[in-house]
């Protein structure tokens, strides 16, 4: 066991030493791997920020219930009690016709409303259902439309559903890109390892002559490939952090102009760990395939 651990440590030390002997090659390989990782991870961060921004906005589907001008006080009270006790409604808010008119005036539409003889806006209820599915929304809309004193009921869920559908497509694109760039990472590492094997071909032949196993010979190259993936992942994390730092100011300023508390979110500790581990594993696989193929040729 002690000998096994000693060789693993020696292999890791040898891989680190060889990376440091060729700084330019190491840096360019790390940049190539970093760019390959930055694209899918950057797209993932973009989608996460869009999803966060959508969460800060009123994206939850709403139902607007408009009360008829001819509705009696008894009918209005019945509607209120029905909405407050309805099990399919999580929140309800009453908007009077005066409040709605004041909002229009506050939005700069006083030129339109000033010439009106009376307030044309009806009293309304804004409802948030517990279930946001299209079928449940439509069933609730029809049920509320049958209440006495209700003029009309409108369900506003189409744009929220479109946004969630687009985000779902984006997540699938991230998954596909991640897979493609993972394969590219395997290819990049394999080429680098093949170059190392060609340089050390005589050393490998001599090692076999004195009884070294393929596992023993393969181990330093696996560490070399894994370290390349790790350095590439760290490069990608650093690039994304710099991009986030550069965009944080303009995005925050734009959000402030719109009165939103939105701030850009970068990679968290767990996400950074996943990127680092994934890149290391893909590079390790690339090294494993390259060494196995090259050793079979040396035979």
C-alpha atoms as a PDB file:
ATOM      1  CA  UNK A   1       0.000   0.000   0.000  1.00  0.00           C
ATOM      2  CA  UNK A   2       2.819   2.368   0.911  1.00  0.00           C
ATOM      3  CA  UNK A   3       4.574   1.623  -2.380  1.00  0.00           C
ATOM      4  CA  UNK A   4       1.321   2.201  -4.312  1.00  0.00           C
ATOM      5  CA  UNK A   5       0.741   5.574  -2.655  1.00  0.00           C
ATOM      6  CA  UNK A   6       4.392   6.479  -3.158  1.00  0.00           C
ATOM      7  CA  UNK A   7       4.141   5.843  -6.897  1.00  0.00           C
ATOM      8  CA  UNK A   8       0.919   7.856  -7.164  1.00  0.00           C
ATOM      9  CA  UNK A   9       2.612  10.778  -5.446  1.00  0.00           C
ATOM     10  CA  UNK A  10       5.677  10.400  -7.675  1.00  0.00           C
ATOM     11  CA  UNK A  11       3.455  10.304 -10.783  1.00  0.00           C
ATOM     12  CA  UNK A  12       1.624  13.462  -9.700  1.00  0.00           C
ATOM     13  CA  UNK A  13       4.918  15.213  -8.969  1.00  0.00           C
ATOM     14  CA  UNK A  14       6.299  14.161 -12.352  1.00  0.00           C
ATOM     15  CA  UNK A  15       3.193  15.470 -14.136  1.00  0.00           C
ATOM     16  CA  UNK A  16       3.444  18.825 -12.342  1.00  0.00           C
ATOM     17  CA  UNK A  17       7.139  19.071 -13.185  1.00  0.00           C
ATOM     18  CA  UNK A  18       6.531  18.377 -16.867  1.00  0.00           C
ATOM     19  CA  UNK A  19       3.778  21.014 -16.997  1.00  0.00           C
ATOM     20  CA  UNK A  20       6.133  23.571 -15.496  1.00  0.00           C
ATOM     21  CA  UNK A  21       8.927  22.664 -17.917  1.00  0.00           C
ATOM     22  CA  UNK A  22       6.818  23.798 -20.874  1.00  0.00           C
ATOM     23  CA  UNK A  23       5.042  26.939 -19.603  1.00  0.00           C
ATOM     24  CA  UNK A  24       3.994  28.247 -23.012  1.00  0.00           C
ATOM     25  CA  UNK A  25       2.500  24.937 -24.094  1.00  0.00           C
ATOM     26  CA  UNK A  26       0.782  24.596 -20.709  1.00  0.00           C
ATOM     27  CA  UNK A  27      -0.694  28.086 -20.905  1.00  0.00           C
ATOM     28  CA  UNK A  28      -1.993  27.696 -24.457  1.00  0.00           C
ATOM     29  CA  UNK A  29      -3.512  24.294 -23.697  1.00  0.00           C
ATOM     30  CA  UNK A  30      -5.183  25.734 -20.597  1.00  0.00           C
ATOM     31  CA  UNK A  31      -6.558  28.601 -22.694  1.00  0.00           C
ATOM     32  CA  UNK A  32      -7.888  26.193 -25.342  1.00  0.00           C
ATOM     33  CA  UNK A  33      -9.573  24.058 -22.696  1.00  0.00           C
ATOM     34  CA  UNK A  34     -10.787  27.157 -20.841  1.00  0.00           C
ATOM     35  CA  UNK A  35     -12.467  28.578 -23.945  1.00  0.00           C
ATOM     36  CA  UNK A  36     -14.084  25.211 -24.659  1.00  0.00           C
ATOM     37  CA  UNK A  37     -15.506  25.187 -21.133  1.00  0.00           C
ATOM     38  CA  UNK A  38     -16.426  28.893 -21.026  1.00  0.00           C
ATOM     39  CA  UNK A  39     -18.950  28.717 -23.871  1.00  0.00           C
ATOM     40  CA  UNK A  40     -21.431  26.174 -22.419  1.00  0.00           C
ATOM     41  CA  UNK A  41     -20.916  27.349 -18.834  1.00  0.00           C
ATOM     42  CA  UNK A  42     -21.360  30.979 -19.917  1.00  0.00           C
ATOM     43  CA  UNK A  43     -24.609  30.080 -21.673  1.00  0.00           C
ATOM     44  CA  UNK A  44     -25.740  28.263 -18.527  1.00  0.00           C
ATOM     45  CA  UNK A  45     -25.025  31.362 -16.431  1.00  0.00           C
ATOM     46  CA  UNK A  46     -26.938  33.507 -18.935  1.00  0.00           C
ATOM     47  CA  UNK A  47     -29.994  31.283 -18.662  1.00  0.00           C
ATOM     48  CA  UNK A  48     -29.753  31.234 -14.875  1.00  0.00           C
ATOM     49  CA  UNK A  49     -29.658  35.029 -14.765  1.00  0.00           C
ATOM     50  CA  UNK A  50     -32.612  35.275 -17.149  1.00  0.00           C
ATOM     51  CA  UNK A  51     -34.497  32.825 -14.951  1.00  0.00           C
ATOM     52  CA  UNK A  52     -33.584  34.888 -11.887  1.00  0.00           C
ATOM     53  CA  UNK A  53     -34.712  38.082 -13.612  1.00  0.00           C
ATOM     54  CA  UNK A  54     -37.986  36.412 -14.576  1.00  0.00           C
ATOM     55  CA  UNK A  55     -38.434  35.386 -10.958  1.00  0.00           C
ATOM     56  CA  UNK A  56     -38.109  39.011  -9.857  1.00  0.00           C
ATOM     57  CA  UNK A  57     -40.815  40.034 -12.318  1.00  0.00           C
ATOM     58  CA  UNK A  58     -44.513  39.221 -12.025  1.00  0.00           C
ATOM     59  CA  UNK A  59     -44.219  36.204 -14.287  1.00  0.00           C
ATOM     60  CA  UNK A  60     -46.699  34.160 -12.282  1.00  0.00           C
ATOM     61  CA  UNK A  61     -49.878  33.732 -14.310  1.00  0.00           C
ATOM     62  CA  UNK A  62     -52.728  35.958 -13.202  1.00  0.00           C
ATOM     63  CA  UNK A  63     -56.486  36.017 -13.743  1.00  0.00           C
ATOM     64  CA  UNK A  64     -58.277  39.341 -14.030  1.00  0.00           C
ATOM     65  CA  UNK A  65     -61.945  39.302 -13.020  1.00  0.00           C
ATOM     66  CA  UNK A  66     -63.936  42.382 -14.066  1.00  0.00           C
ATOM     67  CA  UNK A  67     -67.153  43.213 -12.217  1.00  0.00           C
ATOM     68  CA  UNK A  68     -70.171  44.434 -14.153  1.00  0.00           C
ATOM     69  CA  UNK A  69     -71.246  48.053 -13.623  1.00  0.00           C
ATOM     70  CA  UNK A  70     -74.791  46.763 -12.999  1.00  0.00           C
ATOM     71  CA  UNK A  71     -73.718  44.340 -10.277  1.00  0.00           C
ATOM     72  CA  UNK A  72     -75.560  44.822  -6.987  1.00  0.00           C
ATOM     73  CA  UNK A  73     -73.831  45.187  -3.652  1.00  0.00           C
ATOM     74  CA  UNK A  74     -75.037  41.718  -2.698  1.00  0.00           C
ATOM     75  CA  UNK A  75     -73.513  40.220  -5.849  1.00  0.00           C
ATOM     76  CA  UNK A  76     -70.225  42.031  -5.201  1.00  0.00           C
ATOM     77  CA  UNK A  77     -70.108  40.671  -1.659  1.00  0.00           C
ATOM     78  CA  UNK A  78     -70.879  37.156  -2.909  1.00  0.00           C
ATOM     79  CA  UNK A  79     -68.014  37.423  -5.411  1.00  0.00           C
ATOM     80  CA  UNK A  80     -65.629  38.595  -2.689  1.00  0.00           C
ATOM     81  CA  UNK A  81     -66.522  35.716  -0.378  1.00  0.00           C
ATOM     82  CA  UNK A  82     -66.285  33.219  -3.218  1.00  0.00           C
ATOM     83  CA  UNK A  83     -62.789  34.394  -4.206  1.00  0.00           C
ATOM     84  CA  UNK A  84     -61.450  34.523  -0.653  1.00  0.00           C
ATOM     85  CA  UNK A  85     -62.623  30.973   0.111  1.00  0.00           C
ATOM     86  CA  UNK A  86     -61.814  29.396  -3.265  1.00  0.00           C
ATOM     87  CA  UNK A  87     -59.333  26.535  -2.819  1.00  0.00           C
ATOM     88  CA  UNK A  88     -57.762  27.038  -6.284  1.00  0.00           C
ATOM     89  CA  UNK A  89     -56.790  30.671  -5.599  1.00  0.00           C
ATOM     90  CA  UNK A  90     -53.668  31.454  -3.574  1.00  0.00           C
ATOM     91  CA  UNK A  91     -53.891  35.270  -3.573  1.00  0.00           C
ATOM     92  CA  UNK A  92     -56.482  37.855  -4.511  1.00  0.00           C
ATOM     93  CA  UNK A  93     -56.338  41.631  -4.692  1.00  0.00           C
ATOM     94  CA  UNK A  94     -59.192  44.062  -5.295  1.00  0.00           C
ATOM     95  CA  UNK A  95     -58.545  46.958  -7.685  1.00  0.00           C
ATOM     96  CA  UNK A  96     -61.227  49.632  -7.659  1.00  0.00           C
ATOM     97  CA  UNK A  97     -62.087  51.640 -10.757  1.00  0.00           C
ATOM     98  CA  UNK A  98     -60.694  54.790  -9.086  1.00  0.00           C
ATOM     99  CA  UNK A  99     -57.379  53.067  -8.336  1.00  0.00           C
ATOM    100  CA  UNK A 100     -57.114  51.807 -11.922  1.00  0.00           C
ATOM    101  CA  UNK A 101     -57.788  55.313 -13.282  1.00  0.00           C
ATOM    102  CA  UNK A 102     -55.165  56.834 -10.984  1.00  0.00           C
ATOM    103  CA  UNK A 103     -52.624  54.321 -12.297  1.00  0.00           C
ATOM    104  CA  UNK A 104     -53.366  55.343 -15.861  1.00  0.00           C
ATOM    105  CA  UNK A 105     -52.877  58.984 -14.945  1.00  0.00           C
ATOM    106  CA  UNK A 106     -49.613  58.156 -13.186  1.00  0.00           C
ATOM    107  CA  UNK A 107     -48.340  56.486 -16.357  1.00  0.00           C
ATOM    108  CA  UNK A 108     -48.783  59.712 -18.337  1.00  0.00           C
ATOM    109  CA  UNK A 109     -52.174  59.038 -19.946  1.00  0.00           C
ATOM    110  CA  UNK A 110     -53.868  62.103 -18.458  1.00  0.00           C
ATOM    111  CA  UNK A 111     -54.461  63.527 -21.951  1.00  0.00           C
ATOM    112  CA  UNK A 112     -56.706  60.567 -22.733  1.00  0.00           C
ATOM    113  CA  UNK A 113     -58.532  60.330 -19.423  1.00  0.00           C
ATOM    114  CA  UNK A 114     -59.060  64.105 -19.000  1.00  0.00           C
ATOM    115  CA  UNK A 115     -61.687  64.240 -21.730  1.00  0.00           C
ATOM    116  CA  UNK A 116     -63.848  61.464 -20.289  1.00  0.00           C
ATOM    117  CA  UNK A 117     -67.190  62.310 -18.681  1.00  0.00           C
ATOM    118  CA  UNK A 118     -66.961  59.371 -16.282  1.00  0.00           C
ATOM    119  CA  UNK A 119     -64.574  56.643 -15.258  1.00  0.00           C
ATOM    120  CA  UNK A 120     -64.895  53.867 -17.905  1.00  0.00           C
ATOM    121  CA  UNK A 121     -62.840  51.349 -15.925  1.00  0.00           C
ATOM    122  CA  UNK A 122     -64.671  48.649 -13.942  1.00  0.00           C
ATOM    123  CA  UNK A 123     -63.878  47.335 -10.494  1.00  0.00           C
ATOM    124  CA  UNK A 124     -61.712  44.242 -10.768  1.00  0.00           C
ATOM    125  CA  UNK A 125     -60.069  41.426  -8.863  1.00  0.00           C
ATOM    126  CA  UNK A 126     -56.525  40.269  -9.662  1.00  0.00           C
ATOM    127  CA  UNK A 127     -56.171  36.597  -8.810  1.00  0.00           C
ATOM    128  CA  UNK A 128     -53.146  34.306  -8.589  1.00  0.00           C
ATOM    129  CA  UNK A 129     -54.132  30.636  -8.943  1.00  0.00           C
ATOM    130  CA  UNK A 130     -52.352  27.839  -7.115  1.00  0.00           C
ATOM    131  CA  UNK A 131     -52.007  25.828 -10.327  1.00  0.00           C
ATOM    132  CA  UNK A 132     -50.508  27.653 -13.320  1.00  0.00           C
ATOM    133  CA  UNK A 133     -51.231  24.965 -15.915  1.00  0.00           C
ATOM    134  CA  UNK A 134     -53.223  25.958 -18.977  1.00  0.00           C
ATOM    135  CA  UNK A 135     -56.021  23.444 -18.306  1.00  0.00           C
ATOM    136  CA  UNK A 136     -56.437  24.496 -14.665  1.00  0.00           C
ATOM    137  CA  UNK A 137     -56.381  28.193 -15.587  1.00  0.00           C
ATOM    138  CA  UNK A 138     -59.068  27.718 -18.218  1.00  0.00           C
ATOM    139  CA  UNK A 139     -61.290  25.681 -15.878  1.00  0.00           C
ATOM    140  CA  UNK A 140     -61.030  28.361 -13.195  1.00  0.00           C
ATOM    141  CA  UNK A 141     -61.724  31.094 -15.724  1.00  0.00           C
ATOM    142  CA  UNK A 142     -64.917  29.389 -16.900  1.00  0.00           C
ATOM    143  CA  UNK A 143     -66.070  28.784 -13.339  1.00  0.00           C
ATOM    144  CA  UNK A 144     -65.619  32.427 -12.340  1.00  0.00           C
ATOM    145  CA  UNK A 145     -67.273  33.652 -15.543  1.00  0.00           C
ATOM    146  CA  UNK A 146     -70.549  32.020 -14.436  1.00  0.00           C
ATOM    147  CA  UNK A 147     -70.779  34.086 -11.243  1.00  0.00           C
ATOM    148  CA  UNK A 148     -73.552  36.677 -11.143  1.00  0.00           C
ATOM    149  CA  UNK A 149     -72.242  40.214 -11.434  1.00  0.00           C
ATOM    150  CA  UNK A 150     -69.093  39.245 -13.365  1.00  0.00           C
ATOM    151  CA  UNK A 151     -68.594  41.058 -16.665  1.00  0.00           C
ATOM    152  CA  UNK A 152     -65.620  39.056 -17.967  1.00  0.00           C
ATOM    153  CA  UNK A 153     -62.632  37.020 -16.826  1.00  0.00           C
ATOM    154  CA  UNK A 154     -59.238  37.034 -18.560  1.00  0.00           C
ATOM    155  CA  UNK A 155     -56.372  34.627 -17.925  1.00  0.00           C
ATOM    156  CA  UNK A 156     -52.897  36.050 -18.545  1.00  0.00           C
ATOM    157  CA  UNK A 157     -50.530  33.095 -18.685  1.00  0.00           C
ATOM    158  CA  UNK A 158     -49.418  32.821 -22.313  1.00  0.00           C
ATOM    159  CA  UNK A 159     -46.272  34.959 -22.074  1.00  0.00           C
ATOM    160  CA  UNK A 160     -45.086  33.268 -18.888  1.00  0.00           C
ATOM    161  CA  UNK A 161     -45.531  29.860 -20.503  1.00  0.00           C
ATOM    162  CA  UNK A 162     -43.588  31.017 -23.572  1.00  0.00           C
ATOM    163  CA  UNK A 163     -40.752  32.265 -21.368  1.00  0.00           C
ATOM    164  CA  UNK A 164     -40.548  28.966 -19.488  1.00  0.00           C
ATOM    165  CA  UNK A 165     -40.628  27.062 -22.798  1.00  0.00           C
ATOM    166  CA  UNK A 166     -37.736  29.144 -24.142  1.00  0.00           C
ATOM    167  CA  UNK A 167     -35.754  28.592 -20.947  1.00  0.00           C
ATOM    168  CA  UNK A 168     -36.405  24.858 -21.275  1.00  0.00           C
ATOM    169  CA  UNK A 169     -35.046  24.890 -24.831  1.00  0.00           C
ATOM    170  CA  UNK A 170     -32.029  26.842 -23.612  1.00  0.00           C
ATOM    171  CA  UNK A 171     -31.289  24.219 -20.960  1.00  0.00           C
ATOM    172  CA  UNK A 172     -31.356  21.486 -23.594  1.00  0.00           C
ATOM    173  CA  UNK A 173     -28.975  23.548 -25.749  1.00  0.00           C
ATOM    174  CA  UNK A 174     -26.621  23.904 -22.761  1.00  0.00           C
ATOM    175  CA  UNK A 175     -26.706  20.133 -22.242  1.00  0.00           C
ATOM    176  CA  UNK A 176     -25.926  19.451 -25.908  1.00  0.00           C
ATOM    177  CA  UNK A 177     -23.146  22.038 -26.002  1.00  0.00           C
ATOM    178  CA  UNK A 178     -21.700  20.679 -22.783  1.00  0.00           C
ATOM    179  CA  UNK A 179     -21.594  17.198 -24.306  1.00  0.00           C
ATOM    180  CA  UNK A 180     -19.976  18.436 -27.525  1.00  0.00           C
ATOM    181  CA  UNK A 181     -17.362  20.481 -25.701  1.00  0.00           C
ATOM    182  CA  UNK A 182     -16.732  17.546 -23.374  1.00  0.00           C
ATOM    183  CA  UNK A 183     -15.853  15.472 -26.451  1.00  0.00           C
ATOM    184  CA  UNK A 184     -13.677  18.345 -27.683  1.00  0.00           C
ATOM    185  CA  UNK A 185     -11.928  18.358 -24.315  1.00  0.00           C
ATOM    186  CA  UNK A 186     -11.200  14.645 -24.653  1.00  0.00           C
ATOM    187  CA  UNK A 187      -9.740  15.276 -28.122  1.00  0.00           C
ATOM    188  CA  UNK A 188      -7.567  18.197 -26.935  1.00  0.00           C
ATOM    189  CA  UNK A 189      -6.177  16.169 -24.045  1.00  0.00           C
ATOM    190  CA  UNK A 190      -5.595  13.115 -26.233  1.00  0.00           C
ATOM    191  CA  UNK A 191      -3.468  15.098 -28.683  1.00  0.00           C
ATOM    192  CA  UNK A 192      -1.403  16.585 -25.851  1.00  0.00           C
ATOM    193  CA  UNK A 193      -0.839  13.155 -24.302  1.00  0.00           C
ATOM    194  CA  UNK A 194       0.160  11.614 -27.637  1.00  0.00           C
ATOM    195  CA  UNK A 195       2.839  14.281 -27.966  1.00  0.00           C
ATOM    196  CA  UNK A 196       4.122  13.426 -24.482  1.00  0.00           C
ATOM    197  CA  UNK A 197       4.188   9.711 -25.320  1.00  0.00           C
ATOM    198  CA  UNK A 198       6.228  10.355 -28.473  1.00  0.00           C
ATOM    199  CA  UNK A 199       8.746  12.352 -26.428  1.00  0.00           C
ATOM    200  CA  UNK A 200       9.012   9.587 -23.823  1.00  0.00           C
ATOM    201  CA  UNK A 201       8.820   6.601 -26.191  1.00  0.00           C
ATOM    202  CA  UNK A 202      12.323   5.323 -25.409  1.00  0.00           C
ATOM    203  CA  UNK A 203      11.648   5.645 -21.672  1.00  0.00           C
ATOM    204  CA  UNK A 204       8.454   3.594 -22.073  1.00  0.00           C
ATOM    205  CA  UNK A 205      10.283   0.859 -24.024  1.00  0.00           C
ATOM    206  CA  UNK A 206      12.995   0.608 -21.375  1.00  0.00           C
ATOM    207  CA  UNK A 207      10.389   0.515 -18.602  1.00  0.00           C
ATOM    208  CA  UNK A 208       8.685  -2.420 -20.258  1.00  0.00           C
ATOM    209  CA  UNK A 209      11.967  -4.256 -20.668  1.00  0.00           C
ATOM    210  CA  UNK A 210      12.551  -4.122 -16.917  1.00  0.00           C
ATOM    211  CA  UNK A 211       9.016  -5.391 -16.163  1.00  0.00           C
ATOM    212  CA  UNK A 212       6.871  -2.264 -15.797  1.00  0.00           C
ATOM    213  CA  UNK A 213       3.149  -2.911 -16.332  1.00  0.00           C
ATOM    214  CA  UNK A 214       0.925  -0.810 -18.589  1.00  0.00           C
ATOM    215  CA  UNK A 215      -0.894   0.476 -15.509  1.00  0.00           C
ATOM    216  CA  UNK A 216       2.404   1.662 -14.049  1.00  0.00           C
ATOM    217  CA  UNK A 217       3.377   3.382 -17.301  1.00  0.00           C
ATOM    218  CA  UNK A 218      -0.066   4.901 -17.831  1.00  0.00           C
ATOM    219  CA  UNK A 219      -0.360   6.524 -14.390  1.00  0.00           C
ATOM    220  CA  UNK A 220       1.889   9.619 -14.926  1.00  0.00           C
ATOM    221  CA  UNK A 221       0.130  10.406 -18.207  1.00  0.00           C
ATOM    222  CA  UNK A 222      -3.286  10.173 -16.546  1.00  0.00           C
ATOM    223  CA  UNK A 223      -2.183  12.679 -13.919  1.00  0.00           C
ATOM    224  CA  UNK A 224      -0.787  14.895 -16.660  1.00  0.00           C
ATOM    225  CA  UNK A 225      -4.118  14.876 -18.511  1.00  0.00           C
ATOM    226  CA  UNK A 226      -6.132  15.429 -15.333  1.00  0.00           C
ATOM    227  CA  UNK A 227      -3.952  18.422 -14.398  1.00  0.00           C
ATOM    228  CA  UNK A 228      -4.465  19.889 -17.870  1.00  0.00           C
ATOM    229  CA  UNK A 229      -8.222  19.641 -17.424  1.00  0.00           C
ATOM    230  CA  UNK A 230      -8.027  21.185 -13.958  1.00  0.00           C
ATOM    231  CA  UNK A 231      -5.942  24.133 -15.177  1.00  0.00           C
ATOM    232  CA  UNK A 232      -8.345  24.640 -18.079  1.00  0.00           C
ATOM    233  CA  UNK A 233     -11.325  24.621 -15.713  1.00  0.00           C
ATOM    234  CA  UNK A 234      -9.646  27.141 -13.420  1.00  0.00           C
ATOM    235  CA  UNK A 235      -8.942  29.304 -16.470  1.00  0.00           C
ATOM    236  CA  UNK A 236     -12.608  29.150 -17.493  1.00  0.00           C
ATOM    237  CA  UNK A 237     -13.757  30.026 -13.970  1.00  0.00           C
ATOM    238  CA  UNK A 238     -11.362  32.973 -13.952  1.00  0.00           C
ATOM    239  CA  UNK A 239     -12.534  34.190 -17.381  1.00  0.00           C
ATOM    240  CA  UNK A 240     -16.186  33.980 -16.326  1.00  0.00           C
ATOM    241  CA  UNK A 241     -15.404  35.862 -13.119  1.00  0.00           C
ATOM    242  CA  UNK A 242     -13.700  38.632 -15.117  1.00  0.00           C
ATOM    243  CA  UNK A 243     -16.621  38.836 -17.547  1.00  0.00           C
ATOM    244  CA  UNK A 244     -19.064  39.020 -14.651  1.00  0.00           C
ATOM    245  CA  UNK A 245     -17.001  41.775 -13.025  1.00  0.00           C
ATOM    246  CA  UNK A 246     -16.910  43.733 -16.290  1.00  0.00           C
ATOM    247  CA  UNK A 247     -20.680  43.424 -16.863  1.00  0.00           C
ATOM    248  CA  UNK A 248     -21.802  43.885 -13.274  1.00  0.00           C
ATOM    249  CA  UNK A 249     -21.654  47.687 -13.351  1.00  0.00           C
ATOM    250  CA  UNK A 250     -23.580  48.266 -16.624  1.00  0.00           C
ATOM    251  CA  UNK A 251     -26.194  45.613 -15.776  1.00  0.00           C
ATOM    252  CA  UNK A 252     -26.749  47.017 -12.271  1.00  0.00           C
ATOM    253  CA  UNK A 253     -27.068  50.531 -13.696  1.00  0.00           C
ATOM    254  CA  UNK A 254     -29.639  49.362 -16.249  1.00  0.00           C
ATOM    255  CA  UNK A 255     -31.578  47.460 -13.564  1.00  0.00           C
ATOM    256  CA  UNK A 256     -31.606  50.559 -11.348  1.00  0.00           C
ATOM    257  CA  UNK A 257     -33.079  52.644 -14.173  1.00  0.00           C
ATOM    258  CA  UNK A 258     -35.967  50.180 -14.344  1.00  0.00           C
ATOM    259  CA  UNK A 259     -36.343  50.085 -10.567  1.00  0.00           C
ATOM    260  CA  UNK A 260     -35.252  46.455 -10.313  1.00  0.00           C
ATOM    261  CA  UNK A 261     -32.969  45.000  -7.589  1.00  0.00           C
ATOM    262  CA  UNK A 262     -31.562  42.508 -10.127  1.00  0.00           C
ATOM    263  CA  UNK A 263     -27.840  41.785  -9.917  1.00  0.00           C
ATOM    264  CA  UNK A 264     -25.762  39.437 -12.035  1.00  0.00           C
ATOM    265  CA  UNK A 265     -25.113  36.046 -10.460  1.00  0.00           C
ATOM    266  CA  UNK A 266     -21.832  34.247 -11.127  1.00  0.00           C
ATOM    267  CA  UNK A 267     -20.735  30.685 -10.549  1.00  0.00           C
ATOM    268  CA  UNK A 268     -21.278  29.503  -7.007  1.00  0.00           C
ATOM    269  CA  UNK A 269     -18.944  27.253  -5.052  1.00  0.00           C
ATOM    270  CA  UNK A 270     -20.866  24.091  -5.928  1.00  0.00           C
ATOM    271  CA  UNK A 271     -21.141  25.011  -9.620  1.00  0.00           C
ATOM    272  CA  UNK A 272     -17.422  25.854  -9.781  1.00  0.00           C
ATOM    273  CA  UNK A 273     -16.659  22.502  -8.164  1.00  0.00           C
ATOM    274  CA  UNK A 274     -18.789  20.695 -10.737  1.00  0.00           C
ATOM    275  CA  UNK A 275     -16.989  22.470 -13.592  1.00  0.00           C
ATOM    276  CA  UNK A 276     -13.588  21.623 -12.098  1.00  0.00           C
ATOM    277  CA  UNK A 277     -14.423  17.963 -11.478  1.00  0.00           C
ATOM    278  CA  UNK A 278     -16.096  17.503 -14.885  1.00  0.00           C
ATOM    279  CA  UNK A 279     -13.167  19.023 -16.793  1.00  0.00           C
ATOM    280  CA  UNK A 280     -10.691  16.907 -14.825  1.00  0.00           C
ATOM    281  CA  UNK A 281     -12.644  13.719 -15.532  1.00  0.00           C
ATOM    282  CA  UNK A 282     -13.034  14.453 -19.259  1.00  0.00           C
ATOM    283  CA  UNK A 283      -9.302  15.185 -19.554  1.00  0.00           C
ATOM    284  CA  UNK A 284      -8.510  12.025 -17.607  1.00  0.00           C
ATOM    285  CA  UNK A 285     -10.620  10.060 -20.080  1.00  0.00           C
ATOM    286  CA  UNK A 286      -8.835  11.682 -23.003  1.00  0.00           C
ATOM    287  CA  UNK A 287      -5.496  10.729 -21.489  1.00  0.00           C
ATOM    288  CA  UNK A 288      -6.655   7.176 -20.815  1.00  0.00           C
ATOM    289  CA  UNK A 289      -7.773   6.644 -24.422  1.00  0.00           C
ATOM    290  CA  UNK A 290      -4.605   8.240 -25.827  1.00  0.00           C
ATOM    291  CA  UNK A 291      -2.242   6.177 -23.653  1.00  0.00           C
ATOM    292  CA  UNK A 292      -4.099   2.924 -24.333  1.00  0.00           C
ATOM    293  CA  UNK A 293      -4.000   3.506 -28.086  1.00  0.00           C
ATOM    294  CA  UNK A 294      -0.355   4.542 -28.086  1.00  0.00           C
ATOM    295  CA  UNK A 295       0.789   1.659 -25.895  1.00  0.00           C
ATOM    296  CA  UNK A 296      -0.875  -0.846 -28.249  1.00  0.00           C
ATOM    297  CA  UNK A 297       1.136   0.642 -31.125  1.00  0.00           C
ATOM    298  CA  UNK A 298       4.381   0.437 -29.174  1.00  0.00           C
ATOM    299  CA  UNK A 299       3.676  -3.281 -28.699  1.00  0.00           C
END
